[in-house]
Amino acid sequence: MPPMRGRIPLWLKVAWTLLLIVWAPLFWHQYGAQNFLFFCDIGNVLIGIGVWLESALVFSWAACGLLIFQSLFIIDLAGTLLAGRHFIGGTEYMFDPHLSLAVRLLSLFHVVTPPLVLWAIWRLGYDRRGWKLQTLTAWIVIPINYFWRPQFDVNFARGLFFREQHVVPGWAYLVTYLIVVPLCVYFPTHLFLDWLSRRWKKED
């Protein structure tokens, strides 16, 4: 087991719990139940569990699924604020004046998540089973996204950037997604986090 650097402070546990209490009903009202199957929203709940359990496994699980995508969100948001254009896309709604300011402000959890999960892994250690749990999560969630309320294209289960693709049959896209994303996103993130945690241990 990795060396423990100490407990997660109580204020963070309480703060994240309060965030979930406010965030969940507001986003349910704004977007509907399918919204909570986005990996970023599943990650919110995992973090809430992780802070109370102080679980390296839960944070490693969340990090493997969130780190790349949430970092891209930060890059796109920062690029828009600094250069006035979306370099990647996905944060357009943050600048939509017709969308509730409360929803947009609470959406800043995307900015908090990457440093938070990295800090938690530094503090608690990295569990190498995390990417496998995230892969299993995708294998369960993405087929649900594909068949349930497909018009919302949650997690791009039917096509990239909320547009259903028609280049290949839907089943082929779904199977490819379930293979490519774990291999090209979750596993490389796992390798990075494993390397990073080993480097941190050497510095202790």
C-alpha atoms as a PDB file:
ATOM      1  CA  MET A   1       0.000   0.000   0.000  1.00  0.00           C
ATOM      2  CA  PRO A   2       1.221   3.547  -0.710  1.00  0.00           C
ATOM      3  CA  PRO A   3       2.304   5.705   2.227  1.00  0.00           C
ATOM      4  CA  MET A   4      -0.478   7.776   3.769  1.00  0.00           C
ATOM      5  CA  ARG A   5       0.057  11.515   3.897  1.00  0.00           C
ATOM      6  CA  GLY A   6      -2.879  12.125   6.193  1.00  0.00           C
ATOM      7  CA  ARG A   7      -6.617  12.329   6.212  1.00  0.00           C
ATOM      8  CA  ILE A   8      -8.774  14.347   3.866  1.00  0.00           C
ATOM      9  CA  PRO A   9      -9.832  17.429   5.833  1.00  0.00           C
ATOM     10  CA  LEU A  10     -13.351  17.613   7.173  1.00  0.00           C
ATOM     11  CA  TRP A  11     -14.028  20.961   5.501  1.00  0.00           C
ATOM     12  CA  LEU A  12     -13.494  19.381   2.069  1.00  0.00           C
ATOM     13  CA  LYS A  13     -15.824  16.499   2.880  1.00  0.00           C
ATOM     14  CA  VAL A  14     -18.544  18.892   4.016  1.00  0.00           C
ATOM     15  CA  ALA A  15     -17.989  21.283   1.086  1.00  0.00           C
ATOM     16  CA  TRP A  16     -18.274  18.541  -1.543  1.00  0.00           C
ATOM     17  CA  THR A  17     -21.339  17.109   0.152  1.00  0.00           C
ATOM     18  CA  LEU A  18     -23.014  20.527   0.127  1.00  0.00           C
ATOM     19  CA  LEU A  19     -22.075  20.897  -3.544  1.00  0.00           C
ATOM     20  CA  LEU A  20     -23.822  17.608  -4.333  1.00  0.00           C
ATOM     21  CA  ILE A  21     -26.901  18.589  -2.340  1.00  0.00           C
ATOM     22  CA  VAL A  22     -27.267  21.830  -4.303  1.00  0.00           C
ATOM     23  CA  TRP A  23     -26.029  20.527  -7.659  1.00  0.00           C
ATOM     24  CA  ALA A  24     -28.134  17.366  -8.024  1.00  0.00           C
ATOM     25  CA  PRO A  25     -31.665  18.837  -7.885  1.00  0.00           C
ATOM     26  CA  LEU A  26     -30.686  21.907  -9.886  1.00  0.00           C
ATOM     27  CA  PHE A  27     -29.154  19.886 -12.710  1.00  0.00           C
ATOM     28  CA  TRP A  28     -32.013  17.365 -12.619  1.00  0.00           C
ATOM     29  CA  HIS A  29     -34.476  20.214 -13.112  1.00  0.00           C
ATOM     30  CA  GLN A  30     -32.375  21.825 -15.846  1.00  0.00           C
ATOM     31  CA  TYR A  31     -31.315  18.772 -17.850  1.00  0.00           C
ATOM     32  CA  GLY A  32     -33.259  15.718 -16.728  1.00  0.00           C
ATOM     33  CA  ALA A  33     -32.315  12.346 -15.279  1.00  0.00           C
ATOM     34  CA  GLN A  34     -30.141  11.287 -18.225  1.00  0.00           C
ATOM     35  CA  ASN A  35     -27.686  14.056 -17.332  1.00  0.00           C
ATOM     36  CA  PHE A  36     -26.457  12.049 -14.342  1.00  0.00           C
ATOM     37  CA  LEU A  37     -25.070   9.386 -16.656  1.00  0.00           C
ATOM     38  CA  PHE A  38     -22.443  11.775 -17.991  1.00  0.00           C
ATOM     39  CA  PHE A  39     -19.081  10.560 -16.747  1.00  0.00           C
ATOM     40  CA  CYS A  40     -18.340  13.982 -15.265  1.00  0.00           C
ATOM     41  CA  ASP A  41     -21.499  13.751 -13.166  1.00  0.00           C
ATOM     42  CA  ILE A  42     -20.812  10.167 -12.152  1.00  0.00           C
ATOM     43  CA  GLY A  43     -17.379  11.443 -11.166  1.00  0.00           C
ATOM     44  CA  ASN A  44     -18.959  14.046  -8.894  1.00  0.00           C
ATOM     45  CA  VAL A  45     -20.696  11.292  -6.970  1.00  0.00           C
ATOM     46  CA  LEU A  46     -17.549   9.150  -6.879  1.00  0.00           C
ATOM     47  CA  ILE A  47     -15.602  12.056  -5.423  1.00  0.00           C
ATOM     48  CA  GLY A  48     -18.311  12.516  -2.817  1.00  0.00           C
ATOM     49  CA  ILE A  49     -17.911   8.858  -1.846  1.00  0.00           C
ATOM     50  CA  GLY A  50     -14.135   9.053  -2.059  1.00  0.00           C
ATOM     51  CA  VAL A  51     -13.729  11.992   0.302  1.00  0.00           C
ATOM     52  CA  TRP A  52     -15.731  10.304   3.047  1.00  0.00           C
ATOM     53  CA  LEU A  53     -14.204   6.851   2.609  1.00  0.00           C
ATOM     54  CA  GLU A  54     -10.766   8.354   1.980  1.00  0.00           C
ATOM     55  CA  SER A  55     -10.432   5.706  -0.696  1.00  0.00           C
ATOM     56  CA  ALA A  56      -7.490   5.611  -3.078  1.00  0.00           C
ATOM     57  CA  LEU A  57      -9.449   3.164  -5.231  1.00  0.00           C
ATOM     58  CA  VAL A  58     -12.448   5.472  -5.650  1.00  0.00           C
ATOM     59  CA  PHE A  59     -10.285   8.466  -6.528  1.00  0.00           C
ATOM     60  CA  SER A  60      -8.188   6.385  -8.932  1.00  0.00           C
ATOM     61  CA  TRP A  61     -11.406   5.184 -10.571  1.00  0.00           C
ATOM     62  CA  ALA A  62     -12.664   8.744 -10.945  1.00  0.00           C
ATOM     63  CA  ALA A  63      -9.316  10.061 -12.176  1.00  0.00           C
ATOM     64  CA  CYS A  64      -8.986   7.496 -14.972  1.00  0.00           C
ATOM     65  CA  GLY A  65     -12.347   8.546 -16.364  1.00  0.00           C
ATOM     66  CA  LEU A  66     -12.183  12.291 -15.785  1.00  0.00           C
ATOM     67  CA  LEU A  67      -8.652  13.599 -15.977  1.00  0.00           C
ATOM     68  CA  ILE A  68      -8.293  13.944 -19.756  1.00  0.00           C
ATOM     69  CA  PHE A  69     -11.806  15.149 -20.532  1.00  0.00           C
ATOM     70  CA  GLN A  70     -12.010  17.607 -17.651  1.00  0.00           C
ATOM     71  CA  SER A  71      -8.587  18.988 -18.571  1.00  0.00           C
ATOM     72  CA  LEU A  72      -9.842  19.562 -22.125  1.00  0.00           C
ATOM     73  CA  PHE A  73     -12.821  21.393 -20.636  1.00  0.00           C
ATOM     74  CA  ILE A  74     -10.426  23.679 -18.731  1.00  0.00           C
ATOM     75  CA  ILE A  75      -8.352  24.326 -21.854  1.00  0.00           C
ATOM     76  CA  ASP A  76     -11.417  25.211 -23.903  1.00  0.00           C
ATOM     77  CA  LEU A  77     -12.856  27.429 -21.179  1.00  0.00           C
ATOM     78  CA  ALA A  78      -9.544  29.220 -20.659  1.00  0.00           C
ATOM     79  CA  GLY A  79      -9.051  29.626 -24.402  1.00  0.00           C
ATOM     80  CA  THR A  80     -12.465  31.220 -24.733  1.00  0.00           C
ATOM     81  CA  LEU A  81     -11.860  33.588 -21.837  1.00  0.00           C
ATOM     82  CA  LEU A  82      -8.405  34.593 -23.068  1.00  0.00           C
ATOM     83  CA  ALA A  83      -8.747  34.448 -26.856  1.00  0.00           C
ATOM     84  CA  GLY A  84     -12.486  34.683 -27.393  1.00  0.00           C
ATOM     85  CA  ARG A  85     -12.812  31.375 -29.236  1.00  0.00           C
ATOM     86  CA  HIS A  86     -13.515  27.727 -28.474  1.00  0.00           C
ATOM     87  CA  PHE A  87     -10.438  25.771 -29.520  1.00  0.00           C
ATOM     88  CA  ILE A  88     -11.967  22.381 -28.692  1.00  0.00           C
ATOM     89  CA  GLY A  89     -15.643  22.904 -27.949  1.00  0.00           C
ATOM     90  CA  GLY A  90     -17.853  21.725 -25.156  1.00  0.00           C
ATOM     91  CA  THR A  91     -17.951  24.864 -23.039  1.00  0.00           C
ATOM     92  CA  GLU A  92     -20.249  26.958 -25.217  1.00  0.00           C
ATOM     93  CA  TYR A  93     -23.062  26.624 -22.702  1.00  0.00           C
ATOM     94  CA  MET A  94     -20.929  28.386 -20.092  1.00  0.00           C
ATOM     95  CA  PHE A  95     -21.395  31.603 -22.074  1.00  0.00           C
ATOM     96  CA  ASP A  96     -25.085  31.171 -22.836  1.00  0.00           C
ATOM     97  CA  PRO A  97     -26.981  34.064 -21.158  1.00  0.00           C
ATOM     98  CA  HIS A  98     -30.225  32.113 -21.463  1.00  0.00           C
ATOM     99  CA  LEU A  99     -28.884  29.422 -19.145  1.00  0.00           C
ATOM    100  CA  SER A 100     -29.253  29.919 -15.412  1.00  0.00           C
ATOM    101  CA  LEU A 101     -26.224  31.595 -13.854  1.00  0.00           C
ATOM    102  CA  ALA A 102     -26.433  29.124 -10.972  1.00  0.00           C
ATOM    103  CA  VAL A 103     -26.136  26.185 -13.384  1.00  0.00           C
ATOM    104  CA  ARG A 104     -23.153  27.766 -15.106  1.00  0.00           C
ATOM    105  CA  LEU A 105     -21.399  28.543 -11.834  1.00  0.00           C
ATOM    106  CA  LEU A 106     -21.964  25.027 -10.515  1.00  0.00           C
ATOM    107  CA  SER A 107     -20.569  23.699 -13.801  1.00  0.00           C
ATOM    108  CA  LEU A 108     -17.213  25.044 -12.681  1.00  0.00           C
ATOM    109  CA  PHE A 109     -16.818  21.732 -10.860  1.00  0.00           C
ATOM    110  CA  HIS A 110     -15.219  20.658 -14.158  1.00  0.00           C
ATOM    111  CA  VAL A 111     -12.362  23.053 -13.376  1.00  0.00           C
ATOM    112  CA  VAL A 112     -11.965  21.837  -9.803  1.00  0.00           C
ATOM    113  CA  THR A 113     -12.025  18.106 -10.557  1.00  0.00           C
ATOM    114  CA  PRO A 114      -8.566  17.534 -12.161  1.00  0.00           C
ATOM    115  CA  PRO A 115      -6.496  19.212  -9.420  1.00  0.00           C
ATOM    116  CA  LEU A 116      -8.723  17.685  -6.747  1.00  0.00           C
ATOM    117  CA  VAL A 117      -8.344  14.080  -7.907  1.00  0.00           C
ATOM    118  CA  LEU A 118      -4.603  14.542  -8.414  1.00  0.00           C
ATOM    119  CA  TRP A 119      -4.279  15.986  -4.913  1.00  0.00           C
ATOM    120  CA  ALA A 120      -6.306  13.110  -3.480  1.00  0.00           C
ATOM    121  CA  ILE A 121      -4.105  10.555  -5.247  1.00  0.00           C
ATOM    122  CA  TRP A 122      -0.999  12.330  -3.969  1.00  0.00           C
ATOM    123  CA  ARG A 123      -2.494  12.196  -0.493  1.00  0.00           C
ATOM    124  CA  LEU A 124      -3.971   8.686  -0.513  1.00  0.00           C
ATOM    125  CA  GLY A 125      -1.976   6.905  -3.205  1.00  0.00           C
ATOM    126  CA  TYR A 126      -2.915   5.438  -6.573  1.00  0.00           C
ATOM    127  CA  ASP A 127      -4.780   2.148  -6.906  1.00  0.00           C
ATOM    128  CA  ARG A 128      -3.963   0.376 -10.173  1.00  0.00           C
ATOM    129  CA  ARG A 129      -7.441  -1.184 -10.322  1.00  0.00           C
ATOM    130  CA  GLY A 130      -8.983   2.211 -11.021  1.00  0.00           C
ATOM    131  CA  TRP A 131      -8.847   2.060 -14.808  1.00  0.00           C
ATOM    132  CA  LYS A 132     -10.477  -1.375 -14.804  1.00  0.00           C
ATOM    133  CA  LEU A 133     -13.392  -0.071 -12.745  1.00  0.00           C
ATOM    134  CA  GLN A 134     -13.728   2.894 -15.084  1.00  0.00           C
ATOM    135  CA  THR A 135     -13.726   0.557 -18.089  1.00  0.00           C
ATOM    136  CA  LEU A 136     -16.444  -1.553 -16.473  1.00  0.00           C
ATOM    137  CA  THR A 137     -18.394   1.640 -15.781  1.00  0.00           C
ATOM    138  CA  ALA A 138     -18.185   2.613 -19.453  1.00  0.00           C
ATOM    139  CA  TRP A 139     -19.261  -0.850 -20.579  1.00  0.00           C
ATOM    140  CA  ILE A 140     -22.379  -0.485 -18.417  1.00  0.00           C
ATOM    141  CA  VAL A 141     -23.167   3.208 -18.921  1.00  0.00           C
ATOM    142  CA  ILE A 142     -22.525   3.692 -22.645  1.00  0.00           C
ATOM    143  CA  PRO A 143     -25.016   1.047 -23.834  1.00  0.00           C
ATOM    144  CA  ILE A 144     -27.588   2.688 -21.547  1.00  0.00           C
ATOM    145  CA  ASN A 145     -26.751   6.055 -23.116  1.00  0.00           C
ATOM    146  CA  TYR A 146     -27.072   4.509 -26.562  1.00  0.00           C
ATOM    147  CA  PHE A 147     -30.560   3.108 -26.031  1.00  0.00           C
ATOM    148  CA  TRP A 148     -32.091   5.366 -23.358  1.00  0.00           C
ATOM    149  CA  ARG A 149     -32.996   8.888 -24.465  1.00  0.00           C
ATOM    150  CA  PRO A 150     -30.649   8.644 -27.473  1.00  0.00           C
ATOM    151  CA  GLN A 151     -31.590  12.150 -28.629  1.00  0.00           C
ATOM    152  CA  PHE A 152     -29.365  13.583 -25.881  1.00  0.00           C
ATOM    153  CA  ASP A 153     -26.268  11.654 -27.075  1.00  0.00           C
ATOM    154  CA  VAL A 154     -24.939  11.441 -23.516  1.00  0.00           C
ATOM    155  CA  ASN A 155     -21.190  10.747 -23.427  1.00  0.00           C
ATOM    156  CA  PHE A 156     -21.215  10.840 -27.257  1.00  0.00           C
ATOM    157  CA  ALA A 157     -22.721   7.347 -27.243  1.00  0.00           C
ATOM    158  CA  ARG A 158     -24.190   7.899 -30.728  1.00  0.00           C
ATOM    159  CA  GLY A 159     -21.708  10.367 -32.207  1.00  0.00           C
ATOM    160  CA  LEU A 160     -19.147  13.013 -31.360  1.00  0.00           C
ATOM    161  CA  PHE A 161     -20.091  16.451 -30.084  1.00  0.00           C
ATOM    162  CA  PHE A 162     -23.784  15.622 -29.617  1.00  0.00           C
ATOM    163  CA  ARG A 163     -24.350  14.777 -33.282  1.00  0.00           C
ATOM    164  CA  GLU A 164     -25.417  11.264 -34.182  1.00  0.00           C
ATOM    165  CA  GLN A 165     -22.997   9.743 -36.661  1.00  0.00           C
ATOM    166  CA  HIS A 166     -24.131   7.936 -39.808  1.00  0.00           C
ATOM    167  CA  VAL A 167     -20.755   6.910 -41.219  1.00  0.00           C
ATOM    168  CA  VAL A 168     -20.907   3.364 -39.838  1.00  0.00           C
ATOM    169  CA  PRO A 169     -23.773   1.272 -38.440  1.00  0.00           C
ATOM    170  CA  GLY A 170     -24.734   2.266 -34.898  1.00  0.00           C
ATOM    171  CA  TRP A 171     -23.729  -1.101 -33.431  1.00  0.00           C
ATOM    172  CA  ALA A 172     -20.252  -0.790 -34.999  1.00  0.00           C
ATOM    173  CA  TYR A 173     -19.788   2.687 -33.536  1.00  0.00           C
ATOM    174  CA  LEU A 174     -20.911   1.426 -30.116  1.00  0.00           C
ATOM    175  CA  VAL A 175     -18.553  -1.558 -30.109  1.00  0.00           C
ATOM    176  CA  THR A 176     -15.668   0.598 -31.330  1.00  0.00           C
ATOM    177  CA  TYR A 177     -16.361   3.144 -28.602  1.00  0.00           C
ATOM    178  CA  LEU A 178     -16.299   0.439 -25.913  1.00  0.00           C
ATOM    179  CA  ILE A 179     -12.904  -0.766 -27.130  1.00  0.00           C
ATOM    180  CA  VAL A 180     -11.158   2.444 -28.180  1.00  0.00           C
ATOM    181  CA  VAL A 181     -11.975   4.695 -25.228  1.00  0.00           C
ATOM    182  CA  PRO A 182     -10.656   2.305 -22.554  1.00  0.00           C
ATOM    183  CA  LEU A 183      -7.513   1.584 -24.592  1.00  0.00           C
ATOM    184  CA  CYS A 184      -6.814   5.142 -25.757  1.00  0.00           C
ATOM    185  CA  VAL A 185      -8.081   7.174 -22.784  1.00  0.00           C
ATOM    186  CA  TYR A 186      -8.399   5.171 -19.587  1.00  0.00           C
ATOM    187  CA  PHE A 187      -5.308   2.982 -19.953  1.00  0.00           C
ATOM    188  CA  PRO A 188      -2.912   5.820 -20.888  1.00  0.00           C
ATOM    189  CA  THR A 189      -4.304   7.843 -17.975  1.00  0.00           C
ATOM    190  CA  HIS A 190      -3.677   4.838 -15.750  1.00  0.00           C
ATOM    191  CA  LEU A 191      -0.066   4.608 -16.941  1.00  0.00           C
ATOM    192  CA  PHE A 192       0.449   8.316 -16.287  1.00  0.00           C
ATOM    193  CA  LEU A 193      -1.058   8.176 -12.798  1.00  0.00           C
ATOM    194  CA  ASP A 194       0.911   5.037 -11.937  1.00  0.00           C
ATOM    195  CA  TRP A 195       4.131   6.715 -13.049  1.00  0.00           C
ATOM    196  CA  LEU A 196       3.251   9.908 -11.196  1.00  0.00           C
ATOM    197  CA  SER A 197       2.419   8.111  -7.958  1.00  0.00           C
ATOM    198  CA  ARG A 198       5.686   6.143  -8.096  1.00  0.00           C
ATOM    199  CA  ARG A 199       7.570   9.395  -8.598  1.00  0.00           C
ATOM    200  CA  TRP A 200       5.813  10.950  -5.625  1.00  0.00           C
ATOM    201  CA  LYS A 201       6.720   7.935  -3.473  1.00  0.00           C
ATOM    202  CA  LYS A 202      10.386   8.327  -4.405  1.00  0.00           C
ATOM    203  CA  GLU A 203      10.275  11.946  -3.242  1.00  0.00           C
ATOM    204  CA  ASP A 204       8.963  10.953   0.209  1.00  0.00           C
END
